[in-house]
């Protein structure tokens, strides 16, 4: 049951980030504004990309930790 929940979380996260990389969100970030000297569009792309990697890592890493705990018992 837990494995199924992890798969569902990963599926939800992938759908969420596909939406964040869709045209309407990219168009909102495509402005002549700078964040820390970086254009907003590039800042948005790399921030969302980094966020996707971190959240996926957390979900996958938690799965590995629980599998290791069960095998040690």
Protein backbone atom coordinates (compact mmCIF):
# COMPACT_ATOMS: atom_id res chain seq x y z
CA UNK A 1 0.00 0.00 0.00
CA UNK A 2 2.81 2.44 0.83
CA UNK A 3 4.52 1.82 -2.51
CA UNK A 4 1.31 2.74 -4.30
CA UNK A 5 1.13 6.02 -2.34
CA UNK A 6 4.70 6.90 -3.31
CA UNK A 7 3.90 6.25 -6.96
CA UNK A 8 0.85 8.46 -6.68
CA UNK A 9 2.91 11.24 -5.10
CA UNK A 10 5.48 11.05 -7.89
CA UNK A 11 2.73 11.10 -10.50
CA UNK A 12 1.10 14.13 -8.87
CA UNK A 13 4.44 15.97 -8.65
CA UNK A 14 5.21 15.28 -12.31
CA UNK A 15 1.78 16.59 -13.39
CA UNK A 16 2.22 19.68 -11.20
CA UNK A 17 5.59 20.54 -12.68
CA UNK A 18 4.40 19.89 -16.23
CA UNK A 19 1.72 22.49 -15.53
CA UNK A 20 4.29 24.92 -14.14
CA UNK A 21 6.30 24.57 -17.37
CA UNK A 22 3.23 25.16 -19.57
CA UNK A 23 2.72 28.26 -21.69
CA UNK A 24 0.51 30.34 -19.35
CA UNK A 25 2.98 30.14 -16.46
CA UNK A 26 5.98 30.77 -18.70
CA UNK A 27 4.20 33.76 -20.22
CA UNK A 28 3.60 35.22 -16.74
CA UNK A 29 7.32 34.95 -16.00
CA UNK A 30 8.36 36.47 -19.34
CA UNK A 31 8.66 40.07 -18.17
CA UNK A 32 11.43 42.60 -18.24
CA UNK A 33 12.09 42.19 -14.51
CA UNK A 34 15.33 41.13 -12.86
CA UNK A 35 15.67 39.02 -9.70
CA UNK A 36 19.17 39.15 -8.19
CA UNK A 37 20.40 40.45 -11.56
CA UNK A 38 18.89 37.50 -13.46
CA UNK A 39 15.94 37.96 -15.83
CA UNK A 40 12.70 36.73 -14.25
CA UNK A 41 12.08 34.20 -17.03
CA UNK A 42 15.39 32.40 -16.46
CA UNK A 43 15.05 32.65 -12.70
CA UNK A 44 11.58 31.06 -12.91
CA UNK A 45 12.80 28.23 -15.18
CA UNK A 46 15.75 27.29 -12.99
CA UNK A 47 13.87 27.75 -9.72
CA UNK A 48 10.98 25.49 -10.79
CA UNK A 49 13.44 22.98 -12.25
CA UNK A 50 15.46 22.91 -8.99
CA UNK A 51 12.27 22.61 -6.96
CA UNK A 52 11.15 19.63 -9.08
CA UNK A 53 14.48 17.89 -8.51
CA UNK A 54 14.45 18.50 -4.75
CA UNK A 55 10.85 17.32 -4.26
CA UNK A 56 11.45 14.22 -6.36
CA UNK A 57 14.63 13.49 -4.42
CA UNK A 58 12.78 13.80 -1.12
CA UNK A 59 10.04 11.40 -2.22
CA UNK A 60 12.48 8.83 -3.65
CA UNK A 61 14.93 9.14 -0.75
CA UNK A 62 12.19 8.60 1.82
CA UNK A 63 11.18 5.47 -0.07
CA UNK A 64 14.74 4.11 0.08
CA UNK A 65 15.07 4.85 3.81
CA UNK A 66 11.88 2.98 4.63
CA UNK A 67 12.93 0.00 2.51
CA UNK A 68 16.29 -0.13 4.33
CA UNK A 69 14.57 0.04 7.72
CA UNK A 70 12.30 -2.88 6.83
CA UNK A 71 15.22 -4.99 5.56
CA UNK A 72 17.21 -4.35 8.76
CA UNK A 73 14.40 -5.61 10.99
